[in-house]
Amino acid sequence: MTASQATVTLDENQRAQIKEIVSEILEIDPAEMTATSLFKEDHDADSLGAIEILSALERTFGIEIDQAELTRMVNLDGVVTVVEEASTVN
Protein backbone atom coordinates (compact mmCIF):
# COMPACT_ATOMS: atom_id res chain seq x y z
CA MET A 1 0.00 0.00 0.00
CA THR A 2 1.40 3.39 -0.91
CA ALA A 3 1.17 6.54 1.18
CA SER A 4 -1.62 7.82 -1.07
CA GLN A 5 -3.84 4.84 -0.25
CA ALA A 6 -5.96 4.52 2.86
CA THR A 7 -7.88 1.44 3.92
CA VAL A 8 -11.61 2.04 4.16
CA THR A 9 -13.33 1.10 7.41
CA LEU A 10 -16.79 -0.33 6.86
CA ASP A 11 -19.68 0.98 8.92
CA GLU A 12 -22.20 -1.19 10.77
CA ASN A 13 -24.66 -1.12 7.84
CA GLN A 14 -22.01 -2.39 5.43
CA ARG A 15 -20.95 -5.08 7.91
CA ALA A 16 -24.59 -6.13 8.27
CA GLN A 17 -24.89 -6.21 4.47
CA ILE A 18 -21.87 -8.52 4.24
CA LYS A 19 -23.31 -10.79 6.93
CA GLU A 20 -26.62 -10.91 5.04
CA ILE A 21 -24.88 -11.83 1.76
CA VAL A 22 -22.81 -14.56 3.42
CA SER A 23 -25.80 -15.93 5.36
CA GLU A 24 -27.96 -16.09 2.27
CA ILE A 25 -25.37 -17.76 0.04
CA LEU A 26 -24.23 -20.28 2.65
CA GLU A 27 -27.80 -20.80 3.92
CA ILE A 28 -26.80 -20.03 7.49
CA ASP A 29 -29.11 -18.45 10.06
CA PRO A 30 -27.51 -15.02 10.68
CA ALA A 31 -28.09 -15.50 14.42
CA GLU A 32 -25.82 -18.58 14.32
CA MET A 33 -22.95 -16.79 12.61
CA THR A 34 -20.42 -14.91 14.70
CA ALA A 35 -17.59 -12.71 13.47
CA THR A 36 -15.14 -15.55 14.05
CA SER A 37 -17.16 -18.71 13.35
CA LEU A 38 -15.55 -20.57 10.45
CA PHE A 39 -17.70 -20.97 7.34
CA LYS A 40 -16.36 -24.38 6.38
CA GLU A 41 -15.72 -25.97 9.77
CA ASP A 42 -18.63 -24.48 11.76
CA HIS A 43 -21.23 -24.05 9.01
CA ASP A 44 -20.37 -26.75 6.43
CA ALA A 45 -19.81 -24.23 3.63
CA ASP A 46 -18.19 -25.41 0.40
CA SER A 47 -15.72 -23.69 -1.91
CA LEU A 48 -18.40 -22.88 -4.48
CA GLY A 49 -20.15 -20.80 -1.80
CA ALA A 50 -16.95 -18.85 -1.21
CA ILE A 51 -16.73 -17.95 -4.90
CA GLU A 52 -20.39 -16.89 -4.90
CA ILE A 53 -19.71 -14.69 -1.86
CA LEU A 54 -16.71 -13.08 -3.57
CA SER A 55 -18.78 -12.38 -6.67
CA ALA A 56 -21.71 -10.95 -4.68
CA LEU A 57 -19.38 -8.68 -2.68
CA GLU A 58 -17.78 -7.37 -5.88
CA ARG A 59 -21.20 -6.53 -7.31
CA THR A 60 -22.56 -5.03 -4.10
CA PHE A 61 -19.57 -2.87 -3.22
CA GLY A 62 -18.30 -2.13 -6.74
CA ILE A 63 -14.85 -3.57 -5.97
CA GLU A 64 -12.51 -6.21 -7.37
CA ILE A 65 -11.27 -9.01 -5.13
CA ASP A 66 -8.49 -11.31 -6.24
CA GLN A 67 -9.48 -14.99 -5.94
CA ALA A 68 -6.29 -15.53 -3.91
CA GLU A 69 -8.07 -13.64 -1.12
CA LEU A 70 -10.49 -16.56 -0.74
CA THR A 71 -7.97 -18.18 1.61
CA ARG A 72 -8.47 -15.28 4.03
CA MET A 73 -12.27 -15.26 3.73
CA VAL A 74 -12.84 -18.06 6.24
CA ASN A 75 -15.08 -16.11 8.61
CA LEU A 76 -17.00 -12.84 8.78
CA ASP A 77 -14.01 -10.90 10.17
CA GLY A 78 -11.86 -12.15 7.29
CA VAL A 79 -14.45 -11.15 4.70
CA VAL A 80 -14.81 -7.67 6.20
CA THR A 81 -11.02 -7.19 6.16
CA VAL A 82 -10.76 -8.28 2.52
CA VAL A 83 -13.61 -5.95 1.50
CA GLU A 84 -12.03 -3.05 3.43
CA GLU A 85 -8.68 -3.63 1.73
CA ALA A 86 -10.31 -3.97 -1.70
CA SER A 87 -12.15 -0.70 -1.05
CA THR A 88 -8.86 1.15 -0.49
CA VAL A 89 -9.10 4.77 -1.54
CA ASN A 90 -6.33 5.98 -3.85
C-alpha atoms as a PDB file:
ATOM      1  CA  MET A   1       0.000   0.000   0.000  1.00  0.00           C
ATOM      2  CA  THR A   2       1.398   3.394  -0.906  1.00  0.00           C
ATOM      3  CA  ALA A   3       1.168   6.537   1.177  1.00  0.00           C
ATOM      4  CA  SER A   4      -1.617   7.820  -1.072  1.00  0.00           C
ATOM      5  CA  GLN A   5      -3.838   4.842  -0.253  1.00  0.00           C
ATOM      6  CA  ALA A   6      -5.956   4.516   2.859  1.00  0.00           C
ATOM      7  CA  THR A   7      -7.880   1.441   3.920  1.00  0.00           C
ATOM      8  CA  VAL A   8     -11.611   2.036   4.162  1.00  0.00           C
ATOM      9  CA  THR A   9     -13.334   1.101   7.413  1.00  0.00           C
ATOM     10  CA  LEU A  10     -16.788  -0.333   6.856  1.00  0.00           C
ATOM     11  CA  ASP A  11     -19.682   0.979   8.925  1.00  0.00           C
ATOM     12  CA  GLU A  12     -22.203  -1.186  10.771  1.00  0.00           C
ATOM     13  CA  ASN A  13     -24.663  -1.125   7.839  1.00  0.00           C
ATOM     14  CA  GLN A  14     -22.006  -2.388   5.429  1.00  0.00           C
ATOM     15  CA  ARG A  15     -20.949  -5.080   7.910  1.00  0.00           C
ATOM     16  CA  ALA A  16     -24.589  -6.128   8.271  1.00  0.00           C
ATOM     17  CA  GLN A  17     -24.891  -6.210   4.466  1.00  0.00           C
ATOM     18  CA  ILE A  18     -21.870  -8.518   4.244  1.00  0.00           C
ATOM     19  CA  LYS A  19     -23.313 -10.793   6.931  1.00  0.00           C
ATOM     20  CA  GLU A  20     -26.620 -10.915   5.037  1.00  0.00           C
ATOM     21  CA  ILE A  21     -24.877 -11.829   1.762  1.00  0.00           C
ATOM     22  CA  VAL A  22     -22.809 -14.558   3.422  1.00  0.00           C
ATOM     23  CA  SER A  23     -25.799 -15.933   5.364  1.00  0.00           C
ATOM     24  CA  GLU A  24     -27.960 -16.091   2.267  1.00  0.00           C
ATOM     25  CA  ILE A  25     -25.374 -17.764   0.038  1.00  0.00           C
ATOM     26  CA  LEU A  26     -24.232 -20.278   2.654  1.00  0.00           C
ATOM     27  CA  GLU A  27     -27.800 -20.802   3.915  1.00  0.00           C
ATOM     28  CA  ILE A  28     -26.804 -20.034   7.494  1.00  0.00           C
ATOM     29  CA  ASP A  29     -29.111 -18.451  10.064  1.00  0.00           C
ATOM     30  CA  PRO A  30     -27.506 -15.020  10.678  1.00  0.00           C
ATOM     31  CA  ALA A  31     -28.088 -15.497  14.417  1.00  0.00           C
ATOM     32  CA  GLU A  32     -25.823 -18.579  14.324  1.00  0.00           C
ATOM     33  CA  MET A  33     -22.950 -16.792  12.609  1.00  0.00           C
ATOM     34  CA  THR A  34     -20.422 -14.913  14.703  1.00  0.00           C
ATOM     35  CA  ALA A  35     -17.594 -12.714  13.467  1.00  0.00           C
ATOM     36  CA  THR A  36     -15.141 -15.552  14.048  1.00  0.00           C
ATOM     37  CA  SER A  37     -17.155 -18.711  13.346  1.00  0.00           C
ATOM     38  CA  LEU A  38     -15.548 -20.567  10.453  1.00  0.00           C
ATOM     39  CA  PHE A  39     -17.702 -20.973   7.342  1.00  0.00           C
ATOM     40  CA  LYS A  40     -16.357 -24.381   6.376  1.00  0.00           C
ATOM     41  CA  GLU A  41     -15.721 -25.974   9.769  1.00  0.00           C
ATOM     42  CA  ASP A  42     -18.625 -24.484  11.759  1.00  0.00           C
ATOM     43  CA  HIS A  43     -21.226 -24.051   9.010  1.00  0.00           C
ATOM     44  CA  ASP A  44     -20.371 -26.748   6.425  1.00  0.00           C
ATOM     45  CA  ALA A  45     -19.812 -24.234   3.628  1.00  0.00           C
ATOM     46  CA  ASP A  46     -18.191 -25.407   0.395  1.00  0.00           C
ATOM     47  CA  SER A  47     -15.716 -23.685  -1.907  1.00  0.00           C
ATOM     48  CA  LEU A  48     -18.398 -22.877  -4.479  1.00  0.00           C
ATOM     49  CA  GLY A  49     -20.151 -20.804  -1.803  1.00  0.00           C
ATOM     50  CA  ALA A  50     -16.946 -18.849  -1.215  1.00  0.00           C
ATOM     51  CA  ILE A  51     -16.726 -17.949  -4.900  1.00  0.00           C
ATOM     52  CA  GLU A  52     -20.390 -16.886  -4.901  1.00  0.00           C
ATOM     53  CA  ILE A  53     -19.709 -14.685  -1.859  1.00  0.00           C
ATOM     54  CA  LEU A  54     -16.708 -13.079  -3.570  1.00  0.00           C
ATOM     55  CA  SER A  55     -18.779 -12.380  -6.669  1.00  0.00           C
ATOM     56  CA  ALA A  56     -21.712 -10.945  -4.676  1.00  0.00           C
ATOM     57  CA  LEU A  57     -19.377  -8.678  -2.685  1.00  0.00           C
ATOM     58  CA  GLU A  58     -17.777  -7.369  -5.875  1.00  0.00           C
ATOM     59  CA  ARG A  59     -21.199  -6.525  -7.311  1.00  0.00           C
ATOM     60  CA  THR A  60     -22.561  -5.028  -4.103  1.00  0.00           C
ATOM     61  CA  PHE A  61     -19.572  -2.866  -3.224  1.00  0.00           C
ATOM     62  CA  GLY A  62     -18.295  -2.130  -6.742  1.00  0.00           C
ATOM     63  CA  ILE A  63     -14.852  -3.567  -5.971  1.00  0.00           C
ATOM     64  CA  GLU A  64     -12.505  -6.209  -7.366  1.00  0.00           C
ATOM     65  CA  ILE A  65     -11.275  -9.013  -5.127  1.00  0.00           C
ATOM     66  CA  ASP A  66      -8.485 -11.315  -6.237  1.00  0.00           C
ATOM     67  CA  GLN A  67      -9.476 -14.987  -5.943  1.00  0.00           C
ATOM     68  CA  ALA A  68      -6.290 -15.527  -3.911  1.00  0.00           C
ATOM     69  CA  GLU A  69      -8.072 -13.640  -1.120  1.00  0.00           C
ATOM     70  CA  LEU A  70     -10.489 -16.564  -0.741  1.00  0.00           C
ATOM     71  CA  THR A  71      -7.969 -18.179   1.614  1.00  0.00           C
ATOM     72  CA  ARG A  72      -8.469 -15.275   4.028  1.00  0.00           C
ATOM     73  CA  MET A  73     -12.266 -15.259   3.729  1.00  0.00           C
ATOM     74  CA  VAL A  74     -12.841 -18.056   6.243  1.00  0.00           C
ATOM     75  CA  ASN A  75     -15.083 -16.111   8.614  1.00  0.00           C
ATOM     76  CA  LEU A  76     -16.997 -12.842   8.783  1.00  0.00           C
ATOM     77  CA  ASP A  77     -14.008 -10.901  10.172  1.00  0.00           C
ATOM     78  CA  GLY A  78     -11.859 -12.146   7.289  1.00  0.00           C
ATOM     79  CA  VAL A  79     -14.452 -11.154   4.701  1.00  0.00           C
ATOM     80  CA  VAL A  80     -14.810  -7.667   6.201  1.00  0.00           C
ATOM     81  CA  THR A  81     -11.018  -7.190   6.158  1.00  0.00           C
ATOM     82  CA  VAL A  82     -10.763  -8.280   2.518  1.00  0.00           C
ATOM     83  CA  VAL A  83     -13.609  -5.946   1.504  1.00  0.00           C
ATOM     84  CA  GLU A  84     -12.034  -3.048   3.433  1.00  0.00           C
ATOM     85  CA  GLU A  85      -8.677  -3.625   1.728  1.00  0.00           C
ATOM     86  CA  ALA A  86     -10.312  -3.968  -1.705  1.00  0.00           C
ATOM     87  CA  SER A  87     -12.149  -0.696  -1.049  1.00  0.00           C
ATOM     88  CA  THR A  88      -8.862   1.151  -0.487  1.00  0.00           C
ATOM     89  CA  VAL A  89      -9.095   4.768  -1.541  1.00  0.00           C
ATOM     90  CA  ASN A  90      -6.326   5.978  -3.854  1.00  0.00           C
END
